[in-house]
Amino acid sequence: MAVSEGRITCIGKMDHVLTDCGGGQEGVDTLNLRGQFVMPGFNDAHVHLGMAAADELAVPLMGVSSPEDMQKRVAEAVAHHKPGEWITGGGWDHTTWPEKRFPIASSSMPSRPGTP
């Protein structure tokens, strides 16, 4: 295996690494694994794009301090959406609210006919 600047640049038999992949060049480290398995470390900093996009379009409810605060944020979203457009939201923690009750859709929640 040949490594250059912290990246694996070539794998294979040692003669291949040294002659065909520049494994003998200055600044390239070679390692004879003697047939052993090697698995590079992965930095798994990824995002699920569909969910990330949906989160950007949703009503941000993280940090709402009460059902009334939630209603205010939803009402603002309703005012900025066209009839028929979906309004989604999430991220609240009802256990931090004074009554600690899960929010329910009711007549007190802002809405617009035809808007899900």
C-alpha atoms as a PDB file:
ATOM      1  CA  MET A   1       0.000   0.000   0.000  1.00  0.00           C
ATOM      2  CA  ALA A   2       1.266   3.503  -0.793  1.00  0.00           C
ATOM      3  CA  VAL A   3       0.267   6.571   1.196  1.00  0.00           C
ATOM      4  CA  SER A   4       0.931  10.158   0.182  1.00  0.00           C
ATOM      5  CA  GLU A   5      -0.164  13.256   2.105  1.00  0.00           C
ATOM      6  CA  GLY A   6      -2.345  11.163   4.406  1.00  0.00           C
ATOM      7  CA  ARG A   7      -4.214   9.443   1.580  1.00  0.00           C
ATOM      8  CA  ILE A   8      -3.987   5.919   0.259  1.00  0.00           C
ATOM      9  CA  THR A   9      -2.752   6.321  -3.310  1.00  0.00           C
ATOM     10  CA  CYS A  10      -2.219   2.712  -4.333  1.00  0.00           C
ATOM     11  CA  ILE A  11      -2.899  -0.820  -3.205  1.00  0.00           C
ATOM     12  CA  GLY A  12      -1.642  -4.100  -4.596  1.00  0.00           C
ATOM     13  CA  LYS A  13       1.429  -6.314  -4.595  1.00  0.00           C
ATOM     14  CA  MET A  14       4.599  -4.526  -3.473  1.00  0.00           C
ATOM     15  CA  ASP A  15       6.254  -4.612  -6.907  1.00  0.00           C
ATOM     16  CA  HIS A  16       3.161  -2.963  -8.411  1.00  0.00           C
ATOM     17  CA  VAL A  17       3.065  -0.313  -5.676  1.00  0.00           C
ATOM     18  CA  LEU A  18       6.775   0.485  -6.094  1.00  0.00           C
ATOM     19  CA  THR A  19       6.976   0.500  -9.894  1.00  0.00           C
ATOM     20  CA  ASP A  20       3.539   1.446 -11.199  1.00  0.00           C
ATOM     21  CA  CYS A  21       2.161   3.749  -8.504  1.00  0.00           C
ATOM     22  CA  GLY A  22       5.130   5.805  -7.459  1.00  0.00           C
ATOM     23  CA  GLY A  23       5.506   3.983  -4.164  1.00  0.00           C
ATOM     24  CA  GLY A  24       9.258   4.485  -4.314  1.00  0.00           C
ATOM     25  CA  GLN A  25       9.070   8.255  -4.769  1.00  0.00           C
ATOM     26  CA  GLU A  26      10.052  10.779  -2.134  1.00  0.00           C
ATOM     27  CA  GLY A  27       7.186  11.718   0.166  1.00  0.00           C
ATOM     28  CA  VAL A  28       5.343   8.458  -0.441  1.00  0.00           C
ATOM     29  CA  ASP A  29       5.244   5.933   2.385  1.00  0.00           C
ATOM     30  CA  THR A  30       4.891   2.266   1.544  1.00  0.00           C
ATOM     31  CA  LEU A  31       3.642  -0.438   3.838  1.00  0.00           C
ATOM     32  CA  ASN A  32       3.826  -4.158   3.198  1.00  0.00           C
ATOM     33  CA  LEU A  33       0.640  -5.506   4.720  1.00  0.00           C
ATOM     34  CA  ARG A  34       1.693  -9.128   4.040  1.00  0.00           C
ATOM     35  CA  GLY A  35      -1.812  -9.994   2.846  1.00  0.00           C
ATOM     36  CA  GLN A  36      -3.541  -8.456   5.863  1.00  0.00           C
ATOM     37  CA  PHE A  37      -6.795  -6.529   5.565  1.00  0.00           C
ATOM     38  CA  VAL A  38      -6.724  -2.750   5.930  1.00  0.00           C
ATOM     39  CA  MET A  39      -9.742  -0.513   6.218  1.00  0.00           C
ATOM     40  CA  PRO A  40      -9.302   3.238   6.024  1.00  0.00           C
ATOM     41  CA  GLY A  41     -10.972   5.379   8.665  1.00  0.00           C
ATOM     42  CA  PHE A  42     -14.046   7.121   7.396  1.00  0.00           C
ATOM     43  CA  ASN A  43     -15.235  10.527   8.478  1.00  0.00           C
ATOM     44  CA  ASP A  44     -18.961  10.061   8.132  1.00  0.00           C
ATOM     45  CA  ALA A  45     -20.017  13.693   7.980  1.00  0.00           C
ATOM     46  CA  HIS A  46     -22.927  13.239   5.640  1.00  0.00           C
ATOM     47  CA  VAL A  47     -26.426  14.511   5.434  1.00  0.00           C
ATOM     48  CA  HIS A  48     -29.609  12.924   4.199  1.00  0.00           C
ATOM     49  CA  LEU A  49     -30.425  15.553   1.598  1.00  0.00           C
ATOM     50  CA  GLY A  50     -34.157  14.931   1.454  1.00  0.00           C
ATOM     51  CA  MET A  51     -34.561  15.337   5.198  1.00  0.00           C
ATOM     52  CA  ALA A  52     -32.219  18.325   5.278  1.00  0.00           C
ATOM     53  CA  ALA A  53     -34.295  20.051   2.603  1.00  0.00           C
ATOM     54  CA  ALA A  54     -37.542  19.213   4.407  1.00  0.00           C
ATOM     55  CA  ASP A  55     -36.107  20.633   7.643  1.00  0.00           C
ATOM     56  CA  GLU A  56     -35.231  23.879   5.869  1.00  0.00           C
ATOM     57  CA  LEU A  57     -38.815  24.223   4.625  1.00  0.00           C
ATOM     58  CA  ALA A  58     -40.442  23.289   7.938  1.00  0.00           C
ATOM     59  CA  VAL A  59     -41.600  25.585  10.722  1.00  0.00           C
ATOM     60  CA  PRO A  60     -38.722  25.696  13.217  1.00  0.00           C
ATOM     61  CA  LEU A  61     -40.265  24.583  16.492  1.00  0.00           C
ATOM     62  CA  MET A  62     -37.086  23.794  18.384  1.00  0.00           C
ATOM     63  CA  GLY A  63     -36.998  25.896  21.523  1.00  0.00           C
ATOM     64  CA  VAL A  64     -40.696  26.794  21.667  1.00  0.00           C
ATOM     65  CA  SER A  65     -41.486  27.418  25.315  1.00  0.00           C
ATOM     66  CA  SER A  66     -45.226  26.729  25.331  1.00  0.00           C
ATOM     67  CA  PRO A  67     -48.184  25.701  23.166  1.00  0.00           C
ATOM     68  CA  GLU A  68     -48.896  29.414  22.676  1.00  0.00           C
ATOM     69  CA  ASP A  69     -45.369  29.966  21.339  1.00  0.00           C
ATOM     70  CA  MET A  70     -45.915  27.036  18.975  1.00  0.00           C
ATOM     71  CA  GLN A  71     -49.242  28.509  17.824  1.00  0.00           C
ATOM     72  CA  LYS A  72     -47.527  31.820  17.090  1.00  0.00           C
ATOM     73  CA  ARG A  73     -44.876  30.178  14.918  1.00  0.00           C
ATOM     74  CA  VAL A  74     -47.440  28.085  13.061  1.00  0.00           C
ATOM     75  CA  ALA A  75     -49.614  31.168  12.491  1.00  0.00           C
ATOM     76  CA  GLU A  76     -46.629  32.973  10.954  1.00  0.00           C
ATOM     77  CA  ALA A  77     -46.057  30.018   8.632  1.00  0.00           C
ATOM     78  CA  VAL A  78     -49.735  29.884   7.645  1.00  0.00           C
ATOM     79  CA  ALA A  79     -49.587  33.563   6.733  1.00  0.00           C
ATOM     80  CA  HIS A  80     -46.609  32.953   4.422  1.00  0.00           C
ATOM     81  CA  HIS A  81     -47.934  29.870   2.614  1.00  0.00           C
ATOM     82  CA  LYS A  82     -50.398  29.650  -0.234  1.00  0.00           C
ATOM     83  CA  PRO A  83     -53.625  27.701   0.265  1.00  0.00           C
ATOM     84  CA  GLY A  84     -53.004  24.012  -0.333  1.00  0.00           C
ATOM     85  CA  GLU A  85     -49.279  24.130   0.482  1.00  0.00           C
ATOM     86  CA  TRP A  86     -48.122  21.719   3.143  1.00  0.00           C
ATOM     87  CA  ILE A  87     -46.924  23.187   6.416  1.00  0.00           C
ATOM     88  CA  THR A  88     -44.708  20.921   8.479  1.00  0.00           C
ATOM     89  CA  GLY A  89     -42.682  21.447  11.600  1.00  0.00           C
ATOM     90  CA  GLY A  90     -40.953  19.667  14.393  1.00  0.00           C
ATOM     91  CA  GLY A  91     -38.245  19.697  16.979  1.00  0.00           C
ATOM     92  CA  TRP A  92     -40.205  20.904  19.999  1.00  0.00           C
ATOM     93  CA  ASP A  93     -39.761  19.402  23.447  1.00  0.00           C
ATOM     94  CA  HIS A  94     -43.094  19.524  25.246  1.00  0.00           C
ATOM     95  CA  THR A  95     -41.457  18.205  28.430  1.00  0.00           C
ATOM     96  CA  THR A  96     -39.952  21.665  28.965  1.00  0.00           C
ATOM     97  CA  TRP A  97     -43.385  23.344  28.834  1.00  0.00           C
ATOM     98  CA  PRO A  98     -45.217  24.308  32.028  1.00  0.00           C
ATOM     99  CA  GLU A  99     -47.934  21.647  31.542  1.00  0.00           C
ATOM    100  CA  LYS A 100     -45.634  19.085  29.841  1.00  0.00           C
ATOM    101  CA  ARG A 101     -48.447  17.877  27.564  1.00  0.00           C
ATOM    102  CA  PHE A 102     -47.982  16.741  23.988  1.00  0.00           C
ATOM    103  CA  PRO A 103     -49.466  19.285  21.539  1.00  0.00           C
ATOM    104  CA  ILE A 104     -52.571  18.270  19.658  1.00  0.00           C
ATOM    105  CA  ALA A 105     -54.176  19.730  16.573  1.00  0.00           C
ATOM    106  CA  SER A 106     -57.247  21.600  17.660  1.00  0.00           C
ATOM    107  CA  SER A 107     -59.358  24.581  16.869  1.00  0.00           C
ATOM    108  CA  SER A 108     -56.837  26.708  18.761  1.00  0.00           C
ATOM    109  CA  MET A 109     -54.055  25.787  16.304  1.00  0.00           C
ATOM    110  CA  PRO A 110     -53.807  28.280  13.434  1.00  0.00           C
ATOM    111  CA  SER A 111     -54.896  26.852  10.128  1.00  0.00           C
ATOM    112  CA  ARG A 112     -56.284  27.703   6.727  1.00  0.00           C
ATOM    113  CA  PRO A 113     -58.935  25.658   4.944  1.00  0.00           C
ATOM    114  CA  GLY A 114     -57.313  23.461   2.310  1.00  0.00           C
ATOM    115  CA  THR A 115     -53.838  23.765   3.811  1.00  0.00           C
ATOM    116  CA  PRO A 116     -52.523  20.508   5.272  1.00  0.00           C
END
